[in-house]
Amino acid sequence: NWVGTYDYLLRGTLHLQVGRIDEAIADLTRQVKEYESLADTYYYRGLAYAEAGRKEEARLDLQHAKNLLLGDGQKRWDALFVTPNEVFLSDVESALLKLY
């Protein structure tokens, strides 16, 4: 019953990509419970909420992702290459603009 560090995040992004929005939100919420300061999770959950028409929840998650990226939040990264589905500040800001 072992779960890897980013397993819920990665499965949640896959659900989001294929349109399984409720499953995406559920997995990303599980990831938030495991690692509360990981900006990527809030970004993708914000996108899922937006896709579901839950604009206020989307805005809150995207803003939280931005705050984490600008502050002491955790971010997935590798010094040699961009990780799959890596989130950048410009991604978050663009998603926030699309909500309005």
Protein backbone atom coordinates (compact mmCIF):
# COMPACT_ATOMS: atom_id res chain seq x y z
CA ASN A 1 0.00 0.00 0.00
CA TRP A 2 2.96 2.27 -0.58
CA VAL A 3 2.35 5.54 -2.45
CA GLY A 4 5.20 7.53 -3.98
CA THR A 5 5.88 11.19 -3.31
CA TYR A 6 4.08 12.52 -6.40
CA ASP A 7 1.81 9.60 -7.32
CA TYR A 8 -1.48 11.35 -6.58
CA LEU A 9 -0.27 14.47 -8.36
CA LEU A 10 0.72 12.55 -11.47
CA ARG A 11 -2.46 10.46 -11.55
CA GLY A 12 -4.53 13.60 -10.97
CA THR A 13 -2.92 15.36 -13.92
CA LEU A 14 -3.60 12.31 -16.10
CA HIS A 15 -7.26 12.32 -15.05
CA LEU A 16 -7.41 16.04 -15.87
CA GLN A 17 -5.90 15.49 -19.33
CA VAL A 18 -8.49 12.87 -20.26
CA GLY A 19 -11.45 14.79 -18.84
CA ARG A 20 -12.07 12.84 -15.64
CA ILE A 21 -12.45 16.00 -13.62
CA ASP A 22 -13.98 14.56 -10.44
CA GLU A 23 -11.25 11.91 -10.26
CA ALA A 24 -8.60 14.58 -10.86
CA ILE A 25 -9.91 16.72 -8.01
CA ALA A 26 -10.05 13.69 -5.69
CA ASP A 27 -6.44 12.65 -6.42
CA LEU A 28 -5.11 16.19 -6.21
CA THR A 29 -6.89 16.68 -2.90
CA ARG A 30 -5.18 13.51 -1.63
CA GLN A 31 -1.85 14.98 -2.76
CA VAL A 32 -2.57 18.22 -0.88
CA LYS A 33 -3.12 16.20 2.29
CA GLU A 34 0.27 14.51 1.83
CA TYR A 35 2.29 17.63 0.89
CA GLU A 36 0.52 20.87 1.75
CA SER A 37 3.26 23.15 0.41
CA LEU A 38 3.64 21.72 -3.12
CA ALA A 39 2.61 24.48 -5.54
CA ASP A 40 2.10 22.13 -8.51
CA THR A 41 -0.80 20.36 -6.82
CA TYR A 42 -2.74 23.55 -6.17
CA TYR A 43 -2.15 24.68 -9.76
CA TYR A 44 -3.54 21.49 -11.27
CA ARG A 45 -6.41 21.27 -8.81
CA GLY A 46 -7.21 24.88 -9.68
CA LEU A 47 -7.35 23.94 -13.37
CA ALA A 48 -9.63 21.01 -12.52
CA TYR A 49 -11.93 23.25 -10.47
CA ALA A 50 -12.06 25.73 -13.36
CA GLU A 51 -12.93 22.92 -15.77
CA ALA A 52 -15.74 21.88 -13.41
CA GLY A 53 -17.08 25.46 -13.34
CA ARG A 54 -16.05 25.95 -9.72
CA LYS A 55 -14.41 29.33 -10.38
CA GLU A 56 -13.98 30.53 -6.80
CA GLU A 57 -12.26 27.32 -5.70
CA ALA A 58 -10.13 27.53 -8.84
CA ARG A 59 -9.11 31.09 -8.04
CA LEU A 60 -8.23 30.21 -4.45
CA ASP A 61 -6.06 27.25 -5.48
CA LEU A 62 -4.31 29.15 -8.26
CA GLN A 63 -3.61 32.10 -5.97
CA HIS A 64 -2.28 29.71 -3.33
CA ALA A 65 -0.01 28.09 -5.94
CA LYS A 66 1.30 31.54 -6.86
CA ASN A 67 1.94 32.42 -3.22
CA LEU A 68 3.81 29.14 -2.70
CA LEU A 69 5.95 29.72 -5.79
CA LEU A 70 6.82 33.22 -4.62
CA GLY A 71 7.38 32.16 -1.01
CA ASP A 72 8.67 29.12 0.79
CA GLY A 73 6.53 26.53 -0.97
CA GLN A 74 7.90 23.34 -2.45
CA LYS A 75 8.37 22.91 -6.17
CA ARG A 76 9.31 19.85 -8.18
CA TRP A 77 12.49 20.49 -10.12
CA ASP A 78 15.61 18.94 -11.49
CA ALA A 79 18.83 20.81 -12.21
CA LEU A 80 19.29 19.05 -15.55
CA PHE A 81 15.87 19.07 -17.19
CA VAL A 82 12.26 20.20 -16.89
CA THR A 83 10.14 17.63 -15.06
CA PRO A 84 6.91 16.39 -16.71
CA ASN A 85 4.08 18.87 -16.19
CA GLU A 86 6.38 21.21 -14.23
CA VAL A 87 4.60 24.37 -13.14
CA PHE A 88 6.09 27.83 -13.56
CA LEU A 89 4.91 31.16 -12.19
CA SER A 90 3.91 32.23 -15.71
CA ASP A 91 1.60 29.17 -15.96
CA VAL A 92 -0.19 30.14 -12.76
CA GLU A 93 -0.53 33.80 -13.74
CA SER A 94 -1.90 32.82 -17.16
CA ALA A 95 -4.48 30.48 -15.58
CA LEU A 96 -5.57 33.23 -13.17
CA LEU A 97 -6.09 35.64 -16.07
CA LYS A 98 -8.28 33.10 -17.87
CA LEU A 99 -10.66 32.98 -14.91
CA TYR A 100 -11.54 36.65 -15.34
